[in-house]
């Protein structure tokens, strides 16, 4: 079904909305750093000469809820309404894009008449340049560095870093207090694969930005990454 949606979306500009006209099908917003929920409204009107029935709407993600503002699902010619969406951004940061599929009477279960798109830019507060450090099995245990910077006007201090795997040694370096940090990670042994999780605690006043995570991985090369066999 997801492939069908993707194929439909690529053709969406060429398709009518089966009687409902949306002045905007894409909404974009810069969210405040302390926001938990963002609401976006998508007005529409029935500009056809027939009644239109909204059969269902599917947000496609548990982080997005959607509904017709009045609960009204049948629209006569000339009538208008609003589809209200709400995005729970508590688990997200950075640039996030989420669709909402609107199915009208007559649509198949796989192809909606309308795709609404929410684009949300969420401040990261503490931005981590590299999410996962990687070593191959058997590689030299060379130190690698994760750079972390604080964005925005307020300073945020990293107060603690806790690692889940004792095979990965770590050291926090303060480049500029409240602004810039480096986490230096060194594996003790790369002979076997393994994963380490680093929990980074800050003194950020916004609860959902107080903790961050980053990772270290020792892995075997994937078949497509392995060097070609010697003749």
Protein backbone atom coordinates (compact mmCIF):
# COMPACT_ATOMS: atom_id res chain seq x y z
CA UNK A 1 0.00 0.00 0.00
CA UNK A 2 2.83 2.39 0.77
CA UNK A 3 4.20 1.96 -2.77
CA UNK A 4 0.76 2.80 -4.17
CA UNK A 5 0.64 5.98 -2.08
CA UNK A 6 4.11 7.00 -3.29
CA UNK A 7 3.15 6.45 -6.92
CA UNK A 8 -0.06 8.41 -6.40
CA UNK A 9 1.79 11.27 -4.73
CA UNK A 10 4.14 11.57 -7.71
CA UNK A 11 1.10 12.10 -9.96
CA UNK A 12 -0.94 14.19 -7.51
CA UNK A 13 -0.44 17.55 -9.27
CA UNK A 14 -2.11 16.07 -12.37
CA UNK A 15 -5.18 14.71 -10.55
CA UNK A 16 -8.39 16.55 -9.52
CA UNK A 17 -9.50 16.41 -5.88
CA UNK A 18 -12.81 14.77 -6.86
CA UNK A 19 -14.91 17.83 -6.06
CA UNK A 20 -13.09 19.32 -3.07
CA UNK A 21 -10.75 22.23 -3.65
CA UNK A 22 -7.91 22.90 -1.19
CA UNK A 23 -6.19 26.28 -1.62
CA UNK A 24 -3.17 24.69 0.05
CA UNK A 25 -2.31 21.02 0.37
CA UNK A 26 1.11 21.71 1.94
CA UNK A 27 1.55 23.64 5.19
CA UNK A 28 4.97 24.60 6.54
CA UNK A 29 5.74 25.98 9.98
CA UNK A 30 8.73 26.80 12.19
CA UNK A 31 7.84 25.37 15.59
CA UNK A 32 8.91 26.98 18.87
CA UNK A 33 11.53 24.97 20.74
CA UNK A 34 9.21 24.48 23.72
CA UNK A 35 6.13 23.41 21.74
CA UNK A 36 4.79 19.89 22.14
CA UNK A 37 1.87 20.00 19.70
CA UNK A 38 1.47 21.91 16.43
CA UNK A 39 -1.95 22.45 14.83
CA UNK A 40 -2.38 23.06 11.09
CA UNK A 41 -5.72 23.74 9.38
CA UNK A 42 -6.46 22.88 5.73
CA UNK A 43 -9.57 24.75 4.48
CA UNK A 44 -11.47 23.31 1.52
CA UNK A 45 -14.61 23.95 -0.51
CA UNK A 46 -16.89 21.91 -2.72
CA UNK A 47 -16.71 23.79 -6.04
CA UNK A 48 -18.30 20.99 -8.02
CA UNK A 49 -21.98 20.64 -8.93
CA UNK A 50 -22.44 17.44 -6.90
CA UNK A 51 -22.37 16.54 -3.23
CA UNK A 52 -19.07 15.19 -1.93
CA UNK A 53 -18.68 12.68 0.93
CA UNK A 54 -15.49 12.42 2.97
CA UNK A 55 -15.19 8.69 3.56
CA UNK A 56 -12.16 8.66 5.88
CA UNK A 57 -8.79 10.24 6.58
CA UNK A 58 -5.60 8.44 7.46
CA UNK A 59 -2.69 10.26 9.09
CA UNK A 60 -0.33 7.35 8.43
CA UNK A 61 1.53 8.00 11.72
CA UNK A 62 0.44 7.83 15.36
CA UNK A 63 2.15 11.20 15.88
CA UNK A 64 -0.48 12.95 13.71
CA UNK A 65 -4.22 13.19 14.34
CA UNK A 66 -6.69 14.55 11.79
CA UNK A 67 -10.38 15.30 11.58
CA UNK A 68 -12.98 17.54 9.99
CA UNK A 69 -13.36 20.50 12.35
CA UNK A 70 -17.17 20.37 12.51
CA UNK A 71 -17.50 16.61 12.19
CA UNK A 72 -19.46 17.19 8.99
CA UNK A 73 -18.65 14.65 6.26
CA UNK A 74 -21.14 15.50 3.46
CA UNK A 75 -20.68 18.75 1.53
CA UNK A 76 -23.15 20.14 -0.95
CA UNK A 77 -22.04 22.35 -3.86
CA UNK A 78 -20.74 25.65 -2.52
CA UNK A 79 -20.23 24.41 1.06
CA UNK A 80 -16.83 24.62 2.75
CA UNK A 81 -15.03 23.13 5.73
CA UNK A 82 -11.69 22.64 7.44
CA UNK A 83 -9.58 19.55 8.05
CA UNK A 84 -7.65 20.15 11.26
CA UNK A 85 -4.41 18.26 11.87
CA UNK A 86 -2.35 18.06 15.04
CA UNK A 87 1.25 16.88 15.15
CA UNK A 88 2.76 15.56 18.37
CA UNK A 89 6.41 16.55 18.03
CA UNK A 90 7.61 15.28 21.41
CA UNK A 91 9.79 12.58 19.81
CA UNK A 92 11.09 14.62 16.89
CA UNK A 93 13.63 17.28 16.07
CA UNK A 94 14.97 18.83 12.89
CA UNK A 95 12.92 18.87 9.66
CA UNK A 96 9.91 16.54 9.72
CA UNK A 97 7.39 15.89 6.94
CA UNK A 98 4.15 13.94 7.51
CA UNK A 99 1.25 13.16 5.12
CA UNK A 100 -2.48 12.97 5.78
CA UNK A 101 -4.51 10.97 3.24
CA UNK A 102 -8.10 12.06 2.57
CA UNK A 103 -10.41 9.44 1.00
CA UNK A 104 -13.64 10.57 -0.64
CA UNK A 105 -16.63 8.46 -1.61
CA UNK A 106 -15.68 6.57 -4.76
CA UNK A 107 -12.00 6.26 -3.90
CA UNK A 108 -10.41 2.84 -3.69
CA UNK A 109 -8.89 1.77 -0.38
CA UNK A 110 -5.39 2.33 -1.78
CA UNK A 111 -5.65 5.67 -3.63
CA UNK A 112 -6.94 8.79 -1.83
CA UNK A 113 -8.30 11.85 -3.62
CA UNK A 114 -6.17 14.24 -1.58
CA UNK A 115 -2.80 14.11 0.18
CA UNK A 116 -2.18 16.88 2.71
CA UNK A 117 1.40 17.45 3.83
CA UNK A 118 2.66 18.86 7.13
CA UNK A 119 6.19 20.25 7.09
CA UNK A 120 7.53 21.17 10.53
CA UNK A 121 10.93 22.65 11.33
CA UNK A 122 11.72 21.78 14.95
CA UNK A 123 14.67 23.40 16.73
CA UNK A 124 17.15 20.83 18.02
CA UNK A 125 18.53 23.02 20.89
CA UNK A 126 21.51 20.65 21.21
CA UNK A 127 22.54 19.65 17.71
CA UNK A 128 24.58 16.46 17.31
CA UNK A 129 26.65 16.44 14.14
CA UNK A 130 27.06 12.64 13.99
CA UNK A 131 24.35 10.31 15.28
CA UNK A 132 26.37 7.08 15.02
CA UNK A 133 30.10 6.44 15.05
CA UNK A 134 31.15 3.31 13.15
CA UNK A 135 34.14 0.96 13.16
CA UNK A 136 34.50 -2.23 11.16
CA UNK A 137 35.36 -5.48 12.93
CA UNK A 138 39.13 -5.80 13.12
CA UNK A 139 39.79 -2.13 12.34
CA UNK A 140 42.26 -0.14 14.48
CA UNK A 141 40.55 1.19 17.63
CA UNK A 142 41.07 4.79 16.52
CA UNK A 143 39.24 7.51 18.53
CA UNK A 144 36.33 9.24 16.80
CA UNK A 145 34.63 12.49 17.76
CA UNK A 146 31.03 13.63 17.99
CA UNK A 147 30.60 17.40 17.83
CA UNK A 148 27.67 18.90 19.77
CA UNK A 149 26.58 22.53 19.52
CA UNK A 150 23.89 24.52 21.29
CA UNK A 151 21.58 26.50 19.03
CA UNK A 152 19.44 29.47 20.01
CA UNK A 153 20.05 32.35 22.39
CA UNK A 154 20.12 30.45 25.68
CA UNK A 155 23.16 28.50 26.79
CA UNK A 156 22.70 24.81 27.59
CA UNK A 157 25.32 22.81 29.49
CA UNK A 158 26.00 19.11 29.09
CA UNK A 159 26.13 17.85 32.67
CA UNK A 160 26.67 14.10 32.19
CA UNK A 161 27.29 11.41 29.58
CA UNK A 162 26.51 7.77 30.36
CA UNK A 163 27.56 4.86 28.13
CA UNK A 164 25.77 1.51 27.93
CA UNK A 165 28.75 -0.56 26.74
CA UNK A 166 32.02 -0.67 28.70
CA UNK A 167 33.92 -1.54 25.49
CA UNK A 168 33.54 2.07 24.39
CA UNK A 169 35.59 4.57 26.38
CA UNK A 170 34.32 8.14 26.20
CA UNK A 171 35.55 11.58 27.16
CA UNK A 172 33.57 14.82 27.12
CA UNK A 173 35.51 17.94 26.13
CA UNK A 174 34.10 21.41 26.75
CA UNK A 175 35.07 23.71 23.88
CA UNK A 176 32.86 26.57 25.05
CA UNK A 177 30.69 26.14 28.14
CA UNK A 178 27.00 26.18 27.25
CA UNK A 179 27.76 26.33 23.53
CA UNK A 180 30.11 23.73 22.10
CA UNK A 181 31.22 20.23 23.15
CA UNK A 182 33.00 17.18 21.80
CA UNK A 183 32.44 13.57 22.82
CA UNK A 184 35.53 11.48 22.03
CA UNK A 185 34.82 7.74 21.78
CA UNK A 186 37.45 4.99 21.64
CA UNK A 187 36.68 1.26 21.42
CA UNK A 188 38.91 -0.95 23.57
CA UNK A 189 38.43 -3.98 21.29
CA UNK A 190 37.16 -4.15 17.71
CA UNK A 191 37.52 -7.91 17.25
CA UNK A 192 33.78 -8.51 17.72
CA UNK A 193 30.71 -6.53 16.69
CA UNK A 194 28.87 -4.47 19.26
CA UNK A 195 26.72 -1.41 19.90
CA UNK A 196 27.02 1.32 22.49
CA UNK A 197 24.42 3.93 23.43
CA UNK A 198 25.43 7.25 25.00
CA UNK A 199 22.82 9.10 27.05
CA UNK A 200 23.62 12.80 27.11
CA UNK A 201 22.07 14.81 29.94
CA UNK A 202 21.78 18.59 29.71
CA UNK A 203 20.45 21.32 31.98
CA UNK A 204 17.98 22.50 29.33
CA UNK A 205 14.84 23.91 30.92
CA UNK A 206 12.65 22.38 28.21
CA UNK A 207 12.01 18.84 29.43
CA UNK A 208 11.89 17.11 26.05
CA UNK A 209 15.27 18.57 25.09
CA UNK A 210 16.94 17.61 28.36
CA UNK A 211 18.24 14.25 27.17
CA UNK A 212 19.83 13.25 23.86
CA UNK A 213 21.21 9.98 22.53
CA UNK A 214 24.01 9.04 20.21
CA UNK A 215 25.53 5.69 19.25
CA UNK A 216 28.76 3.81 18.58
CA UNK A 217 28.85 0.65 16.49
CA UNK A 218 31.40 -2.03 15.62
CA UNK A 219 30.07 -4.00 12.68
CA UNK A 220 31.05 -6.37 9.93
CA UNK A 221 30.94 -4.92 6.40
CA UNK A 222 27.70 -5.53 4.55
CA UNK A 223 28.06 -7.80 1.48
CA UNK A 224 27.78 -4.80 -0.85
CA UNK A 225 30.54 -3.02 1.09
CA UNK A 226 32.98 -5.89 1.24
CA UNK A 227 36.08 -5.55 -0.98
CA UNK A 228 36.06 -7.74 -4.11
CA UNK A 229 37.71 -11.14 -3.82
CA UNK A 230 41.23 -11.39 -5.21
CA UNK A 231 41.52 -13.52 -8.38
